[in-house]
N, C-alpha and C. Protein backbone atom coordinates (compact mmCIF):
# COMPACT_ATOMS: atom_id res chain seq x y z
N UNK A 1 11.86 11.63 19.52
CA UNK A 1 10.54 12.14 18.69
C UNK A 1 11.10 11.65 17.26
N UNK A 2 10.02 11.05 16.65
CA UNK A 2 10.26 10.83 15.04
C UNK A 2 10.66 12.15 14.45
N UNK A 3 11.27 11.98 13.38
CA UNK A 3 11.72 12.98 12.37
C UNK A 3 10.71 13.33 11.43
N UNK A 4 10.04 12.24 11.09
CA UNK A 4 8.91 12.47 10.12
C UNK A 4 7.72 12.36 10.92
N UNK A 5 6.43 12.99 10.40
CA UNK A 5 5.18 12.61 11.01
C UNK A 5 4.28 12.87 9.75
N UNK A 6 2.92 12.47 10.09
CA UNK A 6 1.73 12.68 9.26
C UNK A 6 0.81 13.11 10.18
N UNK A 7 0.22 14.31 9.86
CA UNK A 7 -0.61 15.22 10.47
C UNK A 7 -1.96 14.68 9.97
N UNK A 8 -2.72 14.46 10.81
CA UNK A 8 -4.16 14.19 10.49
C UNK A 8 -5.07 15.43 10.99
N UNK A 9 -6.01 15.99 10.01
CA UNK A 9 -6.88 17.25 10.20
C UNK A 9 -8.17 16.65 9.53
N UNK A 10 -9.26 17.08 10.31
CA UNK A 10 -10.68 16.90 9.61
C UNK A 10 -11.21 18.23 9.44
N UNK A 11 -11.99 18.41 8.34
CA UNK A 11 -12.40 19.64 7.95
C UNK A 11 -13.75 19.53 7.63
N UNK A 12 -14.72 20.28 7.92
CA UNK A 12 -16.27 20.40 7.65
C UNK A 12 -16.68 20.28 6.08
N UNK A 13 -15.79 20.70 5.09
CA UNK A 13 -16.03 20.47 3.77
C UNK A 13 -15.07 20.35 2.86
N UNK A 14 -15.32 20.12 1.51
CA UNK A 14 -14.32 19.92 0.65
C UNK A 14 -13.46 21.06 0.48
N UNK A 15 -14.09 22.31 0.15
CA UNK A 15 -13.55 23.54 0.03
C UNK A 15 -12.45 23.77 1.27
N UNK A 16 -12.85 23.46 2.44
CA UNK A 16 -12.12 23.94 3.41
C UNK A 16 -10.85 23.20 3.50
N UNK A 17 -10.99 21.88 3.30
CA UNK A 17 -10.02 20.79 3.00
C UNK A 17 -9.03 21.41 1.92
N UNK A 18 -9.48 21.56 0.79
CA UNK A 18 -8.80 22.27 -0.21
C UNK A 18 -8.05 23.45 0.04
N UNK A 19 -8.55 24.29 0.94
CA UNK A 19 -7.83 25.65 1.16
C UNK A 19 -6.76 25.34 2.22
N UNK A 20 -7.03 24.46 3.21
CA UNK A 20 -5.89 24.26 4.26
C UNK A 20 -4.91 23.42 3.48
N UNK A 21 -5.23 22.46 2.64
CA UNK A 21 -4.15 21.86 1.97
C UNK A 21 -3.06 22.86 1.07
N UNK A 22 -3.84 23.61 0.29
CA UNK A 22 -3.03 24.70 -0.24
C UNK A 22 -2.12 25.50 0.43
N UNK A 23 -2.70 25.94 1.72
CA UNK A 23 -2.01 26.71 2.48
C UNK A 23 -0.83 25.70 3.19
N UNK A 24 -0.91 24.91 3.32
CA UNK A 24 0.35 24.32 4.12
C UNK A 24 1.38 23.79 3.15
N UNK A 25 0.88 23.17 1.85
CA UNK A 25 1.84 22.76 0.85
C UNK A 25 2.15 23.87 0.27
N UNK A 26 1.65 25.11 -0.11
CA UNK A 26 2.23 26.22 -0.53
C UNK A 26 3.02 26.93 0.18
N UNK A 27 3.10 26.71 1.75
CA UNK A 27 3.81 27.53 2.42
C UNK A 27 5.07 26.68 2.79
N UNK A 28 5.13 25.43 2.03
CA UNK A 28 6.15 24.33 2.53
C UNK A 28 6.26 23.75 3.84
N UNK A 29 5.07 23.89 4.49
CA UNK A 29 4.92 23.28 5.87
C UNK A 29 4.62 21.70 5.83
N UNK A 30 4.09 21.25 4.53
CA UNK A 30 3.90 19.67 4.32
C UNK A 30 4.53 19.61 2.75
N UNK A 31 4.87 18.59 2.50
CA UNK A 31 5.45 18.20 1.12
C UNK A 31 4.31 17.61 0.30
N UNK A 32 3.30 17.11 1.28
CA UNK A 32 2.19 16.47 0.62
C UNK A 32 0.89 16.40 1.52
N UNK A 33 -0.28 16.69 0.82
CA UNK A 33 -1.72 16.85 1.38
C UNK A 33 -2.41 15.86 0.69
N UNK A 34 -3.03 14.88 1.23
CA UNK A 34 -4.10 13.86 0.59
C UNK A 34 -5.39 14.30 1.35
N UNK A 35 -6.44 14.22 0.69
CA UNK A 35 -7.68 14.43 1.26
C UNK A 35 -8.71 13.10 0.89
N UNK A 36 -9.19 12.59 2.04
CA UNK A 36 -9.99 11.37 2.05
C UNK A 36 -11.34 11.80 2.48
N UNK A 37 -12.48 11.62 1.51
CA UNK A 37 -13.72 11.84 1.89
C UNK A 37 -14.84 11.83 1.02
N UNK A 38 -15.76 12.03 1.35
CA UNK A 38 -16.24 12.41 2.71
C UNK A 38 -16.18 11.18 3.56
N UNK A 39 -15.88 11.30 4.81
CA UNK A 39 -16.07 10.32 6.00
C UNK A 39 -17.21 11.00 6.85
N UNK A 40 -17.40 9.85 7.94
CA UNK A 40 -18.57 10.25 8.72
C UNK A 40 -18.07 10.02 9.98
N UNK A 41 -18.13 11.15 10.92
CA UNK A 41 -17.34 11.27 12.37
C UNK A 41 -18.54 11.25 13.31
N UNK A 42 -18.17 10.32 14.35
CA UNK A 42 -19.18 10.61 15.39
C UNK A 42 -18.34 10.88 16.66
N UNK A 43 -18.81 11.88 17.34
CA UNK A 43 -17.94 12.33 18.67
C UNK A 43 -18.83 13.06 19.52
N UNK A 44 -18.14 13.40 20.87
CA UNK A 44 -18.98 14.44 21.85
C UNK A 44 -18.52 15.64 21.47
N UNK A 45 -19.60 16.35 21.59
CA UNK A 45 -19.10 17.93 21.69
C UNK A 45 -20.52 18.84 22.25
N UNK A 46 -20.09 19.55 23.11
CA UNK A 46 -20.93 20.52 23.96
C UNK A 46 -22.00 19.57 24.60
N UNK A 47 -21.43 18.35 25.15
CA UNK A 47 -22.20 17.61 25.99
C UNK A 47 -23.35 16.64 25.21
N UNK A 48 -23.05 16.51 23.93
CA UNK A 48 -23.99 15.67 23.14
C UNK A 48 -23.08 14.80 22.17
N UNK A 49 -23.51 13.77 21.74
CA UNK A 49 -23.05 13.00 20.75
C UNK A 49 -23.25 13.67 19.53
N UNK A 50 -22.58 13.78 18.52
CA UNK A 50 -22.69 14.50 17.30
C UNK A 50 -22.14 13.47 16.20
N UNK A 51 -22.80 13.77 15.08
CA UNK A 51 -22.55 12.91 13.84
C UNK A 51 -22.38 13.88 12.75
N UNK A 52 -21.23 13.80 11.98
CA UNK A 52 -21.19 14.95 10.66
C UNK A 52 -20.35 14.13 9.76
N UNK A 53 -20.54 14.79 8.61
CA UNK A 53 -19.72 14.54 7.49
C UNK A 53 -18.44 15.33 7.47
N UNK A 54 -17.65 14.76 7.30
CA UNK A 54 -16.01 15.42 7.16
C UNK A 54 -15.31 15.08 6.26
N UNK A 55 -14.10 15.75 5.88
CA UNK A 55 -13.05 15.25 5.03
C UNK A 55 -11.88 15.25 5.79
N UNK A 56 -11.05 14.10 5.79
CA UNK A 56 -9.91 13.86 6.16
C UNK A 56 -8.67 14.27 5.47
N UNK A 57 -7.86 14.90 6.06
CA UNK A 57 -6.62 15.51 5.32
C UNK A 57 -5.31 14.55 6.01
N UNK A 58 -4.49 14.21 5.26
CA UNK A 58 -3.37 13.55 5.72
C UNK A 58 -2.01 14.35 5.02
N UNK A 59 -1.27 14.93 6.15
CA UNK A 59 -0.29 15.85 5.82
C UNK A 59 1.20 15.16 5.86
N UNK A 60 2.14 15.12 5.10
CA UNK A 60 3.44 14.55 5.27
C UNK A 60 4.24 15.89 5.45
N UNK A 61 5.06 15.76 6.70
CA UNK A 61 6.00 16.95 7.20
C UNK A 61 7.04 16.26 8.04
N UNK A 62 7.76 17.22 8.44
CA UNK A 62 8.91 16.85 9.41
C UNK A 62 8.31 17.36 10.79
N UNK A 63 8.74 16.66 11.69
CA UNK A 63 8.25 16.88 13.04
C UNK A 63 8.40 18.37 13.57
N UNK A 64 9.64 18.72 13.34
CA UNK A 64 10.04 19.94 13.77
C UNK A 64 8.96 21.29 13.20
N UNK A 65 8.33 20.95 12.18
CA UNK A 65 7.43 21.85 11.71
C UNK A 65 6.09 21.70 12.19
N UNK A 66 5.82 21.01 13.00
CA UNK A 66 4.49 20.64 13.38
C UNK A 66 3.63 22.15 14.06
N UNK A 67 4.51 22.71 14.95
CA UNK A 67 3.89 23.67 15.47
C UNK A 67 3.29 24.94 14.34
N UNK A 68 4.26 25.25 13.47
CA UNK A 68 3.94 26.20 12.39
C UNK A 68 2.95 25.62 11.63
N UNK A 69 2.94 24.38 11.37
CA UNK A 69 1.76 23.95 10.42
C UNK A 69 0.69 24.06 11.20
N UNK A 70 0.59 23.52 12.55
CA UNK A 70 -0.86 23.61 13.01
C UNK A 70 -1.29 25.09 13.34
N UNK A 71 -0.56 26.15 13.46
CA UNK A 71 -1.04 27.35 13.40
C UNK A 71 -1.45 27.74 11.97
N UNK A 72 -0.97 27.42 10.98
CA UNK A 72 -1.45 27.55 9.55
C UNK A 72 -2.68 26.93 9.68
N UNK A 73 -2.75 25.72 9.92
CA UNK A 73 -4.42 25.22 9.79
C UNK A 73 -5.32 25.80 10.50
N UNK A 74 -4.87 26.27 11.76
CA UNK A 74 -5.89 26.86 12.75
C UNK A 74 -6.22 28.21 11.87
N UNK A 75 -5.29 28.95 11.41
CA UNK A 75 -5.86 30.09 10.58
C UNK A 75 -6.87 29.92 9.65
N UNK A 76 -6.58 28.80 9.06
CA UNK A 76 -7.69 28.38 7.76
C UNK A 76 -8.70 27.72 8.25
N UNK A 77 -9.01 27.38 9.41
CA UNK A 77 -10.13 26.40 9.78
C UNK A 77 -11.16 26.97 10.40
N UNK A 78 -12.36 26.42 10.34
CA UNK A 78 -13.61 27.11 10.71
C UNK A 78 -14.05 26.55 12.01
N UNK A 79 -13.37 25.33 12.69
CA UNK A 79 -13.73 24.79 13.73
C UNK A 79 -13.30 25.57 15.13
N UNK A 80 -13.95 25.60 16.05
CA UNK A 80 -13.34 26.19 17.27
C UNK A 80 -12.07 25.21 17.80
N UNK A 81 -12.48 23.83 17.83
CA UNK A 81 -11.23 23.03 18.31
C UNK A 81 -11.10 22.14 17.24
N UNK A 82 -10.36 22.38 16.05
CA UNK A 82 -10.13 21.56 15.24
C UNK A 82 -9.32 20.06 15.64
N UNK A 83 -9.53 19.07 14.88
CA UNK A 83 -8.51 17.99 15.11
C UNK A 83 -7.19 18.22 14.37
N UNK A 84 -6.17 18.30 14.91
CA UNK A 84 -4.88 18.48 14.53
C UNK A 84 -3.90 17.60 15.39
N UNK A 85 -3.57 16.38 14.77
CA UNK A 85 -3.00 15.53 15.62
C UNK A 85 -1.63 14.88 14.89
N UNK A 86 -0.65 14.46 15.24
CA UNK A 86 0.32 13.96 14.51
C UNK A 86 0.74 12.64 15.02
N UNK A 87 1.06 11.54 14.00
CA UNK A 87 1.38 10.35 13.95
C UNK A 87 2.98 10.26 13.54
N UNK A 88 3.79 9.39 14.22
CA UNK A 88 4.87 9.29 13.84
C UNK A 88 5.12 8.43 12.60
N UNK A 89 5.80 8.67 11.78
CA UNK A 89 6.27 7.81 10.63
C UNK A 89 7.59 7.23 11.05
N UNK A 90 7.33 5.89 11.50
CA UNK A 90 8.47 5.10 12.12
C UNK A 90 9.52 4.75 11.14
N UNK A 91 9.30 4.53 9.72
CA UNK A 91 10.11 4.21 8.91
C UNK A 91 9.41 4.69 7.34
N UNK A 92 10.21 4.54 6.37
CA UNK A 92 9.82 4.84 4.99
C UNK A 92 10.82 4.61 4.11
N UNK A 93 10.71 4.70 2.74
CA UNK A 93 11.73 4.40 1.97
C UNK A 93 12.47 5.73 1.62
N UNK A 94 13.86 5.53 1.74
CA UNK A 94 14.67 6.76 1.92
C UNK A 94 14.45 7.87 0.81
N UNK A 95 14.30 7.65 -0.34
CA UNK A 95 13.92 8.53 -1.46
C UNK A 95 12.57 9.29 -1.11
N UNK A 96 11.74 8.77 -0.33
CA UNK A 96 10.46 9.34 -0.28
C UNK A 96 10.78 10.37 1.13
N UNK A 97 11.54 9.68 1.91
CA UNK A 97 11.81 10.68 3.10
C UNK A 97 12.72 11.78 2.75
N UNK A 98 13.52 11.44 1.78
CA UNK A 98 14.30 12.73 1.45
C UNK A 98 13.72 13.65 0.81
N UNK A 99 12.65 13.16 -0.01
CA UNK A 99 11.56 14.12 -0.83
C UNK A 99 10.99 15.13 0.24
N UNK A 100 10.52 14.41 1.22
CA UNK A 100 9.96 15.28 2.38
C UNK A 100 10.58 16.28 2.98
N UNK A 101 11.95 15.91 3.00
CA UNK A 101 12.93 16.85 3.79
C UNK A 101 13.14 18.04 2.62
N UNK A 102 13.32 17.73 1.39
CA UNK A 102 13.88 18.48 0.36
C UNK A 102 12.57 19.61 0.17
N UNK A 103 11.36 19.17 0.29
CA UNK A 103 10.25 19.98 -0.23
C UNK A 103 9.64 20.83 0.90
N UNK A 104 10.20 20.67 2.30
CA UNK A 104 9.84 21.35 3.28
C UNK A 104 11.00 22.05 3.91
N UNK A 105 12.18 22.20 3.13
CA UNK A 105 13.41 22.66 3.59
C UNK A 105 13.47 24.26 3.77
N UNK A 106 14.25 24.92 4.52
CA UNK A 106 14.43 26.17 4.65
C UNK A 106 14.76 27.09 3.36
N UNK A 107 15.35 26.23 2.36
CA UNK A 107 16.01 26.53 1.25
C UNK A 107 14.98 26.98 0.25
N UNK A 108 13.74 26.10 0.33
CA UNK A 108 12.67 26.00 -0.55
C UNK A 108 11.60 27.04 0.00
N UNK A 109 11.64 27.07 1.35
CA UNK A 109 10.61 27.96 2.19
C UNK A 109 10.85 29.33 1.68
């Protein structure tokens, strides 16, 4: 398993995206949270193809924090089944990866 991950979350509004970002960065579960949007998502939901405007959150963190970060996102999220997926960061410049570690370390939290 990768040591560092980017967690991707979609939110239904800019306000919800900001609230989630504040919770995970404020709780030191992510070192950085970026919001991209609005985007348009097309997906199956309750037997029908849906299309909606959403905001994409990109959260940089350590893999070992995924479960706690996912719980925090769910607590702030309005969706029944939010998108919360992790993508492995296979490499990065050492000082950026060190920064992620420092900003999400137990000493800081």
